[in-house]
Amino acid sequence: MDDPITLRTLIAINREFFGSRWSEKDLEELVNPRFGVVSDLSSLLEQLSAIRAKDLADQAPYWIMECQP
């Protein structure tokens, strides 16, 4: 992913599409997690992008992988 998600971007999205449903404190946790349980949103989006970029034709179905010794 080229551009990281910023707090300013999330605040604008929250205001425009969700009527400011989430507090700025909650949005800050997505950008800069302090609790260490959840990855920041940018990292999650990068990982999702990497998964979507995989050629699934090269991947065996899960059940075949489980059945092999």
Protein backbone atom coordinates (compact mmCIF):
# COMPACT_ATOMS: atom_id res chain seq x y z
CA MET A 1 0.00 0.00 0.00
CA ASP A 2 1.46 3.35 -0.95
CA ASP A 3 -0.17 5.82 1.44
CA PRO A 4 -0.63 5.02 5.13
CA ILE A 5 -4.02 5.65 6.68
CA THR A 6 -3.90 8.85 8.71
CA LEU A 7 -6.05 9.99 11.58
CA ARG A 8 -7.15 12.96 9.51
CA THR A 9 -8.37 10.62 6.76
CA LEU A 10 -10.34 8.47 9.22
CA ILE A 11 -11.90 11.51 10.86
CA ALA A 12 -13.03 12.79 7.45
CA ILE A 13 -14.45 9.37 6.47
CA ASN A 14 -16.18 9.07 9.85
CA ARG A 15 -17.75 12.50 9.48
CA GLU A 16 -18.74 12.11 5.82
CA PHE A 17 -20.10 8.57 5.78
CA PHE A 18 -20.94 7.71 9.38
CA GLY A 19 -22.13 10.98 10.91
CA SER A 20 -19.22 11.05 13.37
CA ARG A 21 -20.38 7.78 14.93
CA TRP A 22 -16.93 6.99 16.35
CA SER A 23 -14.93 9.19 18.67
CA GLU A 24 -11.57 10.60 17.68
CA LYS A 25 -10.03 8.50 20.48
CA ASP A 26 -11.38 5.30 18.89
CA LEU A 27 -10.09 6.34 15.47
CA GLU A 28 -6.68 7.15 16.95
CA GLU A 29 -6.48 3.55 18.19
CA LEU A 30 -6.82 2.33 14.59
CA VAL A 31 -3.93 4.52 13.44
CA ASN A 32 -1.68 4.20 16.48
CA PRO A 33 -2.70 1.20 18.60
CA ARG A 34 -1.65 1.50 22.24
CA PHE A 35 -3.15 -1.70 23.59
CA GLY A 36 -1.03 -4.03 21.46
CA VAL A 37 -3.89 -6.41 20.71
CA VAL A 38 -4.89 -5.17 17.28
CA SER A 39 -2.56 -4.22 14.44
CA ASP A 40 -2.88 -0.74 13.06
CA LEU A 41 -5.29 -0.36 10.15
CA SER A 42 -2.52 0.31 7.61
CA SER A 43 -0.81 -2.98 8.45
CA LEU A 44 -4.07 -4.90 8.15
CA LEU A 45 -4.80 -3.32 4.77
CA GLU A 46 -1.28 -4.14 3.54
CA GLN A 47 -1.70 -7.77 4.63
CA LEU A 48 -5.09 -7.97 2.92
CA SER A 49 -3.57 -6.54 -0.25
CA ALA A 50 -0.81 -9.17 -0.17
CA ILE A 51 -3.38 -11.95 0.23
CA ARG A 52 -5.48 -10.62 -2.65
CA ALA A 53 -2.38 -10.43 -4.86
CA LYS A 54 -1.64 -14.16 -4.46
CA ASP A 55 -2.39 -16.37 -7.43
CA LEU A 56 -4.79 -18.88 -5.94
CA ALA A 57 -4.17 -21.28 -8.84
CA ASP A 58 -0.85 -22.06 -7.14
CA GLN A 59 -2.50 -22.87 -3.81
CA ALA A 60 -3.79 -26.35 -3.01
CA PRO A 61 -7.22 -26.53 -1.32
CA TYR A 62 -7.04 -26.59 2.46
CA TRP A 63 -8.46 -30.10 2.81
CA ILE A 64 -5.76 -31.55 0.53
CA MET A 65 -3.05 -29.94 2.65
CA GLU A 66 -4.60 -31.43 5.80
CA CYS A 67 -4.81 -34.97 4.36
CA GLN A 68 -1.17 -35.17 3.33
CA PRO A 69 1.23 -36.80 5.84
